[in-house]
């Protein structure tokens, strides 16, 4: 009964949003290489366990949603500092499947595997993820949004 009005409203909103967007830029080799490098930094800094260096990879108003966690901005910073105070990341492997760069924003979809120690528990995660990067005024890519979910989920 309500499907058509909802679809019509969604289509109208999409058309309005699409018309206002500039042409999407093609992925450039330089952008893809820069994001590959930042992904490598994420892996290295996560294992290094320095929360302040790790926080430099994220925008100040970042939003992160992983199974059991939804934090943003300063909540995320506090969450990371608390984690690294009592835990550590043993390994992290991130595999980007698709990357779409549009000006100063990039959208990435992929998978990651992580082993961590939290207190006395060892955790093994195998997640899918969607990530939004922002290129700052300094030209550096930082993560603005991360949403992840278990690859074992139906």
N, C-alpha and C. Protein backbone atom coordinates (compact mmCIF):
# COMPACT_ATOMS: atom_id res chain seq x y z
N UNK A 1 0.81 -1.19 0.00
CA UNK A 1 0.00 0.00 0.00
C UNK A 1 0.86 1.26 0.00
N UNK A 2 1.94 1.29 0.79
CA UNK A 2 2.77 2.47 0.88
C UNK A 2 4.00 2.40 -0.02
N UNK A 3 4.21 1.31 -0.68
CA UNK A 3 5.44 1.11 -1.46
C UNK A 3 5.59 2.15 -2.56
N UNK A 4 4.56 2.43 -3.30
CA UNK A 4 4.69 3.38 -4.41
C UNK A 4 5.01 4.80 -3.96
N UNK A 5 4.30 5.35 -2.94
CA UNK A 5 4.67 6.70 -2.52
C UNK A 5 6.10 6.76 -1.99
N UNK A 6 6.53 5.74 -1.25
CA UNK A 6 7.89 5.73 -0.72
C UNK A 6 8.89 5.68 -1.87
N UNK A 7 8.63 4.82 -2.85
CA UNK A 7 9.53 4.71 -4.00
C UNK A 7 9.54 6.02 -4.77
N UNK A 8 8.37 6.65 -4.95
CA UNK A 8 8.30 7.91 -5.69
C UNK A 8 9.05 9.02 -4.95
N UNK A 9 8.90 9.08 -3.63
CA UNK A 9 9.60 10.10 -2.86
C UNK A 9 11.11 9.84 -2.92
N UNK A 10 11.51 8.58 -2.76
CA UNK A 10 12.94 8.24 -2.83
C UNK A 10 13.51 8.59 -4.21
N UNK A 11 12.77 8.29 -5.26
CA UNK A 11 13.24 8.60 -6.62
C UNK A 11 13.37 10.11 -6.81
N UNK A 12 12.40 10.86 -6.32
CA UNK A 12 12.46 12.32 -6.45
C UNK A 12 13.64 12.89 -5.68
N UNK A 13 13.88 12.38 -4.47
CA UNK A 13 15.02 12.85 -3.69
C UNK A 13 16.33 12.49 -4.37
N UNK A 14 16.41 11.28 -4.89
CA UNK A 14 17.63 10.83 -5.57
C UNK A 14 17.89 11.70 -6.80
N UNK A 15 16.85 11.98 -7.57
CA UNK A 15 17.02 12.80 -8.77
C UNK A 15 17.48 14.20 -8.38
N UNK A 16 16.90 14.74 -7.31
CA UNK A 16 17.29 16.07 -6.86
C UNK A 16 18.73 16.09 -6.38
N UNK A 17 19.14 15.05 -5.64
CA UNK A 17 20.51 14.98 -5.15
C UNK A 17 21.48 14.74 -6.29
N UNK A 18 21.11 13.90 -7.21
CA UNK A 18 22.00 13.58 -8.31
C UNK A 18 22.22 14.80 -9.18
N UNK A 19 21.18 15.57 -9.42
CA UNK A 19 21.32 16.74 -10.28
C UNK A 19 22.26 17.77 -9.67
N UNK A 20 22.33 17.85 -8.33
CA UNK A 20 23.14 18.85 -7.67
C UNK A 20 24.60 18.44 -7.55
N UNK A 21 24.91 17.18 -7.81
CA UNK A 21 26.27 16.68 -7.65
C UNK A 21 27.12 17.00 -8.87
N UNK A 22 28.39 17.35 -8.65
CA UNK A 22 29.28 17.57 -9.78
C UNK A 22 29.63 16.23 -10.42
N UNK A 23 30.17 16.29 -11.62
CA UNK A 23 30.60 15.07 -12.30
C UNK A 23 31.59 14.33 -11.42
N UNK A 24 31.45 13.02 -11.33
CA UNK A 24 32.35 12.20 -10.54
C UNK A 24 33.70 12.11 -11.24
N UNK A 25 34.75 12.33 -10.47
CA UNK A 25 36.10 12.22 -11.02
C UNK A 25 36.47 10.74 -11.10
N UNK A 26 37.26 10.42 -12.10
CA UNK A 26 37.77 9.07 -12.23
C UNK A 26 38.81 8.83 -11.14
N UNK A 27 38.94 7.56 -10.73
CA UNK A 27 40.03 7.20 -9.85
C UNK A 27 41.34 7.50 -10.58
N UNK A 28 42.24 8.19 -9.92
CA UNK A 28 43.55 8.40 -10.52
C UNK A 28 44.54 7.45 -9.86
N UNK A 29 45.60 7.12 -10.58
CA UNK A 29 46.62 6.24 -10.01
C UNK A 29 47.19 6.85 -8.73
N UNK A 30 47.36 8.17 -8.70
CA UNK A 30 47.91 8.84 -7.52
C UNK A 30 46.99 8.72 -6.32
N UNK A 31 45.68 8.89 -6.54
CA UNK A 31 44.72 8.77 -5.44
C UNK A 31 44.68 7.34 -4.91
N UNK A 32 44.63 6.38 -5.80
CA UNK A 32 44.57 4.98 -5.38
C UNK A 32 45.85 4.61 -4.62
N UNK A 33 46.99 5.06 -5.10
CA UNK A 33 48.27 4.78 -4.43
C UNK A 33 48.30 5.43 -3.05
N UNK A 34 47.79 6.66 -2.94
CA UNK A 34 47.76 7.34 -1.64
C UNK A 34 46.87 6.60 -0.65
N UNK A 35 45.73 6.12 -1.12
CA UNK A 35 44.83 5.37 -0.23
C UNK A 35 45.43 4.01 0.14
N UNK A 36 46.11 3.37 -0.80
CA UNK A 36 46.81 2.11 -0.50
C UNK A 36 47.85 2.36 0.60
N UNK A 37 48.58 3.44 0.49
CA UNK A 37 49.60 3.78 1.48
C UNK A 37 48.97 4.05 2.84
N UNK A 38 47.85 4.78 2.85
CA UNK A 38 47.17 5.06 4.13
C UNK A 38 46.66 3.77 4.76
N UNK A 39 46.17 2.86 3.94
CA UNK A 39 45.71 1.56 4.45
C UNK A 39 46.87 0.81 5.11
N UNK A 40 48.05 0.85 4.47
CA UNK A 40 49.24 0.24 5.06
C UNK A 40 49.57 0.89 6.41
N UNK A 41 49.43 2.21 6.49
CA UNK A 41 49.67 2.92 7.75
C UNK A 41 48.70 2.48 8.83
N UNK A 42 47.43 2.27 8.45
CA UNK A 42 46.45 1.80 9.43
C UNK A 42 46.93 0.48 10.03
N UNK A 43 47.32 -0.45 9.17
CA UNK A 43 47.78 -1.76 9.64
C UNK A 43 48.99 -1.61 10.57
N UNK A 44 49.97 -0.82 10.16
CA UNK A 44 51.20 -0.66 10.95
C UNK A 44 50.95 0.05 12.28
N UNK A 45 50.20 1.14 12.24
CA UNK A 45 49.97 1.91 13.47
C UNK A 45 49.04 1.18 14.43
N UNK A 46 48.12 0.38 13.90
CA UNK A 46 47.25 -0.41 14.78
C UNK A 46 48.08 -1.39 15.59
N UNK A 47 49.01 -2.07 14.93
CA UNK A 47 49.86 -3.05 15.61
C UNK A 47 50.87 -2.36 16.53
N UNK A 48 51.34 -1.18 16.14
CA UNK A 48 52.31 -0.44 16.97
C UNK A 48 51.71 -0.05 18.32
N UNK A 49 50.40 0.18 18.35
CA UNK A 49 49.71 0.43 19.62
C UNK A 49 49.82 1.84 20.17
N UNK A 50 50.17 2.82 19.35
CA UNK A 50 50.25 4.21 19.79
C UNK A 50 48.92 4.88 19.44
N UNK A 51 48.06 5.10 20.45
CA UNK A 51 46.73 5.63 20.13
C UNK A 51 46.76 7.01 19.47
N UNK A 52 47.69 7.87 19.85
CA UNK A 52 47.71 9.22 19.27
C UNK A 52 48.11 9.18 17.81
N UNK A 53 49.12 8.36 17.48
CA UNK A 53 49.50 8.22 16.06
C UNK A 53 48.36 7.59 15.27
N UNK A 54 47.69 6.60 15.85
CA UNK A 54 46.58 5.92 15.18
C UNK A 54 45.42 6.89 14.96
N UNK A 55 45.15 7.75 15.94
CA UNK A 55 44.06 8.72 15.80
C UNK A 55 44.31 9.72 14.68
N UNK A 56 45.57 9.93 14.30
CA UNK A 56 45.90 10.84 13.21
C UNK A 56 45.40 10.36 11.85
N UNK A 57 44.97 9.10 11.77
CA UNK A 57 44.45 8.54 10.53
C UNK A 57 42.97 8.85 10.31
N UNK A 58 42.32 9.41 11.31
CA UNK A 58 40.87 9.61 11.31
C UNK A 58 40.54 11.09 11.40
N UNK A 59 39.39 11.50 10.84
CA UNK A 59 38.95 12.88 10.99
C UNK A 59 38.48 13.09 12.44
N UNK A 60 38.50 14.32 12.93
CA UNK A 60 38.07 14.58 14.31
C UNK A 60 36.61 14.19 14.56
N UNK A 61 35.77 14.25 13.53
CA UNK A 61 34.34 13.93 13.72
C UNK A 61 33.98 12.57 13.13
N UNK A 62 34.93 11.67 13.10
CA UNK A 62 34.75 10.33 12.54
C UNK A 62 33.53 9.62 13.17
N UNK A 63 32.93 8.74 12.39
CA UNK A 63 31.86 7.86 12.89
C UNK A 63 32.29 6.43 12.60
N UNK A 64 32.28 5.58 13.62
CA UNK A 64 32.66 4.18 13.48
C UNK A 64 31.55 3.31 14.04
N UNK A 65 31.14 2.35 13.22
CA UNK A 65 30.15 1.37 13.67
C UNK A 65 30.65 -0.01 13.28
N UNK A 66 30.98 -0.78 14.29
CA UNK A 66 31.39 -2.18 14.13
C UNK A 66 30.49 -3.00 15.04
N UNK A 67 30.47 -4.31 14.88
CA UNK A 67 29.62 -5.12 15.77
C UNK A 67 29.89 -4.79 17.24
N UNK A 68 28.85 -4.37 17.94
CA UNK A 68 28.94 -4.06 19.36
C UNK A 68 29.45 -2.66 19.67
N UNK A 69 29.75 -1.85 18.66
CA UNK A 69 30.33 -0.52 18.88
C UNK A 69 29.76 0.48 17.88
N UNK A 70 29.36 1.61 18.40
CA UNK A 70 28.99 2.75 17.55
C UNK A 70 29.46 4.00 18.28
N UNK A 71 30.52 4.64 17.75
CA UNK A 71 31.10 5.81 18.40
C UNK A 71 31.43 6.85 17.35
N UNK A 72 31.50 8.10 17.80
CA UNK A 72 31.92 9.16 16.88
C UNK A 72 32.74 10.20 17.62
N UNK A 73 33.47 10.98 16.84
CA UNK A 73 34.24 12.10 17.36
C UNK A 73 35.07 11.75 18.58
N UNK A 74 34.87 12.52 19.63
CA UNK A 74 35.66 12.33 20.86
C UNK A 74 35.36 10.98 21.52
N UNK A 75 34.15 10.46 21.34
CA UNK A 75 33.85 9.11 21.85
C UNK A 75 34.80 8.08 21.24
N UNK A 76 35.08 8.24 19.95
CA UNK A 76 35.99 7.32 19.27
C UNK A 76 37.40 7.45 19.83
N UNK A 77 37.85 8.67 20.04
CA UNK A 77 39.19 8.88 20.60
C UNK A 77 39.30 8.25 21.98
N UNK A 78 38.29 8.44 22.82
CA UNK A 78 38.29 7.84 24.15
C UNK A 78 38.26 6.32 24.07
N UNK A 79 37.44 5.79 23.17
CA UNK A 79 37.34 4.34 22.96
C UNK A 79 38.71 3.77 22.59
N UNK A 80 39.41 4.41 21.65
CA UNK A 80 40.73 3.91 21.22
C UNK A 80 41.75 4.01 22.34
N UNK A 81 41.78 5.14 23.02
CA UNK A 81 42.74 5.29 24.12
C UNK A 81 42.50 4.25 25.20
N UNK A 82 41.23 4.02 25.54
CA UNK A 82 40.90 3.00 26.55
C UNK A 82 41.32 1.61 26.07
N UNK A 83 41.06 1.30 24.80
CA UNK A 83 41.44 -0.01 24.27
C UNK A 83 42.94 -0.21 24.36
N UNK A 84 43.73 0.75 23.85
CA UNK A 84 45.18 0.61 23.83
C UNK A 84 45.80 0.65 25.22
N UNK A 85 45.08 1.19 26.22
CA UNK A 85 45.59 1.20 27.59
C UNK A 85 45.63 -0.21 28.18
N UNK A 86 44.73 -1.08 27.74
CA UNK A 86 44.68 -2.43 28.32
C UNK A 86 44.74 -3.54 27.28
N UNK A 87 44.73 -3.19 26.00
CA UNK A 87 44.72 -4.21 24.95
C UNK A 87 45.69 -3.87 23.86
N UNK A 88 45.76 -4.75 22.88
CA UNK A 88 46.63 -4.49 21.74
C UNK A 88 46.13 -5.25 20.53
N UNK A 89 46.48 -4.75 19.39
CA UNK A 89 46.15 -5.41 18.14
C UNK A 89 47.36 -6.24 17.72
N UNK A 90 47.14 -7.52 17.56
CA UNK A 90 48.22 -8.43 17.20
C UNK A 90 48.50 -8.42 15.71
N UNK A 91 47.42 -8.36 14.93
CA UNK A 91 47.56 -8.32 13.47
C UNK A 91 46.32 -7.68 12.87
N UNK A 92 46.52 -7.04 11.73
CA UNK A 92 45.42 -6.43 10.99
C UNK A 92 45.78 -6.49 9.52
N UNK A 93 44.89 -7.08 8.74
CA UNK A 93 45.06 -7.14 7.29
C UNK A 93 43.80 -6.59 6.64
N UNK A 94 43.96 -5.51 5.89
CA UNK A 94 42.84 -4.85 5.22
C UNK A 94 42.97 -5.10 3.72
N UNK A 95 41.88 -5.55 3.11
CA UNK A 95 41.87 -5.79 1.67
C UNK A 95 40.73 -5.00 1.03
N UNK A 96 41.09 -3.97 0.30
CA UNK A 96 40.08 -3.17 -0.40
C UNK A 96 39.66 -3.91 -1.66
N UNK A 97 38.36 -4.09 -1.84
CA UNK A 97 37.83 -4.71 -3.05
C UNK A 97 37.50 -3.66 -4.11
N UNK A 98 36.94 -2.54 -3.67
CA UNK A 98 36.56 -1.46 -4.58
C UNK A 98 36.86 -0.13 -3.91
N UNK A 99 37.38 0.79 -4.71
CA UNK A 99 37.67 2.14 -4.24
C UNK A 99 37.14 3.10 -5.29
N UNK A 100 36.36 4.08 -4.86
CA UNK A 100 35.79 5.08 -5.76
C UNK A 100 36.17 6.46 -5.24
N UNK A 101 36.96 7.19 -5.99
CA UNK A 101 37.38 8.53 -5.59
C UNK A 101 36.53 9.55 -6.34
N UNK A 102 35.98 10.49 -5.58
CA UNK A 102 35.16 11.57 -6.12
C UNK A 102 35.65 12.88 -5.51
N UNK A 103 36.58 13.51 -6.18
CA UNK A 103 37.13 14.76 -5.66
C UNK A 103 37.89 14.52 -4.36
N UNK A 104 37.43 15.16 -3.28
CA UNK A 104 38.10 15.03 -1.99
C UNK A 104 37.45 13.99 -1.08
N UNK A 105 36.64 13.12 -1.66
CA UNK A 105 36.04 12.02 -0.91
C UNK A 105 36.32 10.72 -1.66
N UNK A 106 36.52 9.67 -0.90
CA UNK A 106 36.71 8.35 -1.50
C UNK A 106 35.87 7.36 -0.72
N UNK A 107 35.30 6.41 -1.45
CA UNK A 107 34.45 5.38 -0.85
C UNK A 107 35.11 4.05 -1.14
N UNK A 108 35.26 3.28 -0.07
CA UNK A 108 36.00 2.03 -0.18
C UNK A 108 35.18 0.90 0.44
N UNK A 109 35.22 -0.25 -0.22
CA UNK A 109 34.51 -1.44 0.25
C UNK A 109 35.49 -2.59 0.24
N UNK A 110 35.49 -3.39 1.30
CA UNK A 110 36.42 -4.50 1.34
C UNK A 110 36.22 -5.39 2.55
N UNK A 111 37.31 -6.00 2.97
CA UNK A 111 37.30 -6.95 4.08
C UNK A 111 38.53 -6.70 4.94
N UNK A 112 38.41 -7.05 6.23
CA UNK A 112 39.61 -7.04 7.06
C UNK A 112 39.57 -8.19 8.05
N UNK A 113 40.77 -8.64 8.40
CA UNK A 113 40.96 -9.67 9.41
C UNK A 113 41.82 -9.06 10.50
N UNK A 114 41.39 -9.26 11.74
CA UNK A 114 42.08 -8.65 12.87
C UNK A 114 42.16 -9.64 14.02
N UNK A 115 43.30 -9.67 14.67
CA UNK A 115 43.48 -10.42 15.91
C UNK A 115 43.90 -9.41 16.96
N UNK A 116 43.25 -9.45 18.10
CA UNK A 116 43.53 -8.47 19.15
C UNK A 116 43.41 -9.15 20.51
N UNK A 117 44.06 -8.53 21.48
CA UNK A 117 43.93 -8.94 22.87
C UNK A 117 43.26 -7.79 23.60
N UNK A 118 42.14 -8.07 24.23
CA UNK A 118 41.43 -7.08 25.04
C UNK A 118 41.33 -7.65 26.44
N UNK A 119 42.07 -7.07 27.37
CA UNK A 119 42.14 -7.64 28.72
C UNK A 119 42.81 -9.00 28.64
N UNK A 120 42.08 -10.03 29.00
CA UNK A 120 42.61 -11.39 28.93
C UNK A 120 42.03 -12.18 27.76
N UNK A 121 41.19 -11.54 26.98
CA UNK A 121 40.54 -12.22 25.85
C UNK A 121 41.29 -11.95 24.54
N UNK A 122 41.46 -13.01 23.74
CA UNK A 122 41.98 -12.86 22.39
C UNK A 122 40.81 -12.89 21.44
N UNK A 123 40.71 -11.89 20.59
CA UNK A 123 39.59 -11.75 19.66
C UNK A 123 40.09 -11.95 18.24
N UNK A 124 39.29 -12.64 17.44
CA UNK A 124 39.57 -12.79 16.02
C UNK A 124 38.37 -12.27 15.26
N UNK A 125 38.59 -11.27 14.41
CA UNK A 125 37.51 -10.67 13.64
C UNK A 125 37.74 -10.89 12.16
N UNK A 126 36.67 -11.19 11.45
CA UNK A 126 36.68 -11.30 9.99
C UNK A 126 35.47 -10.51 9.51
N UNK A 127 35.71 -9.27 9.09
CA UNK A 127 34.62 -8.36 8.77
C UNK A 127 34.66 -7.85 7.34
N UNK A 128 33.45 -7.52 6.85
CA UNK A 128 33.30 -6.69 5.65
C UNK A 128 33.33 -5.25 6.14
N UNK A 129 33.67 -4.30 5.27
CA UNK A 129 33.61 -2.91 5.69
C UNK A 129 33.25 -2.01 4.51
N UNK A 130 32.71 -0.86 4.89
CA UNK A 130 32.52 0.27 3.97
C UNK A 130 33.15 1.46 4.69
N UNK A 131 33.96 2.20 3.94
CA UNK A 131 34.69 3.30 4.55
C UNK A 131 34.61 4.52 3.65
N UNK A 132 34.48 5.68 4.29
CA UNK A 132 34.52 6.95 3.57
C UNK A 132 35.76 7.70 4.03
N UNK A 133 36.58 8.08 3.06
CA UNK A 133 37.77 8.87 3.31
C UNK A 133 37.50 10.32 2.94
N UNK A 134 38.16 11.25 3.63
CA UNK A 134 38.14 12.67 3.25
C UNK A 134 39.58 13.12 3.04
N UNK A 135 39.80 13.87 1.96
CA UNK A 135 41.11 14.47 1.74
C UNK A 135 41.07 15.86 2.36
N UNK A 136 41.94 16.09 3.32
CA UNK A 136 41.99 17.37 4.02
C UNK A 136 42.64 18.46 3.20
N UNK A 137 42.59 19.67 3.71
CA UNK A 137 43.23 20.81 3.05
C UNK A 137 44.73 20.60 2.87
N UNK A 138 45.31 19.74 3.73
CA UNK A 138 46.74 19.45 3.63
C UNK A 138 47.04 18.33 2.61
N UNK A 139 45.98 17.82 1.95
CA UNK A 139 46.15 16.78 0.94
C UNK A 139 46.17 15.36 1.49
N UNK A 140 46.06 15.22 2.82
CA UNK A 140 46.13 13.92 3.47
C UNK A 140 44.75 13.28 3.57
N UNK A 141 44.68 12.01 3.20
CA UNK A 141 43.44 11.25 3.32
C UNK A 141 43.28 10.77 4.76
N UNK A 142 42.07 10.97 5.32
CA UNK A 142 41.74 10.49 6.66
C UNK A 142 40.36 9.82 6.61
N UNK A 143 40.18 8.84 7.46
CA UNK A 143 38.91 8.11 7.50
C UNK A 143 37.86 8.96 8.21
N UNK A 144 36.72 9.10 7.56
CA UNK A 144 35.61 9.87 8.10
C UNK A 144 34.48 8.97 8.61
N UNK A 145 34.25 7.86 7.95
CA UNK A 145 33.23 6.89 8.36
C UNK A 145 33.76 5.48 8.13
N UNK A 146 33.45 4.61 9.07
CA UNK A 146 33.75 3.18 8.92
C UNK A 146 32.56 2.42 9.46
N UNK A 147 32.00 1.57 8.62
CA UNK A 147 30.91 0.69 9.04
C UNK A 147 31.36 -0.72 8.68
N UNK A 148 31.31 -1.62 9.66
CA UNK A 148 31.80 -2.98 9.44
C UNK A 148 30.81 -3.98 10.02
N UNK A 149 30.85 -5.19 9.46
CA UNK A 149 30.01 -6.28 9.95
C UNK A 149 30.68 -7.61 9.64
N UNK A 150 30.34 -8.58 10.43
CA UNK A 150 30.96 -9.90 10.32
C UNK A 150 30.71 -10.54 8.97
N UNK A 151 31.75 -11.15 8.40
CA UNK A 151 31.59 -11.89 7.16
C UNK A 151 30.79 -13.16 7.40
N UNK A 152 30.66 -13.60 8.64
CA UNK A 152 29.88 -14.79 8.95
C UNK A 152 28.38 -14.50 9.04
N UNK A 153 28.01 -13.22 9.07
CA UNK A 153 26.59 -12.86 9.18
C UNK A 153 25.85 -13.25 7.90
N UNK A 154 24.59 -13.64 8.06
CA UNK A 154 23.81 -14.02 6.85
C UNK A 154 23.56 -12.85 5.93
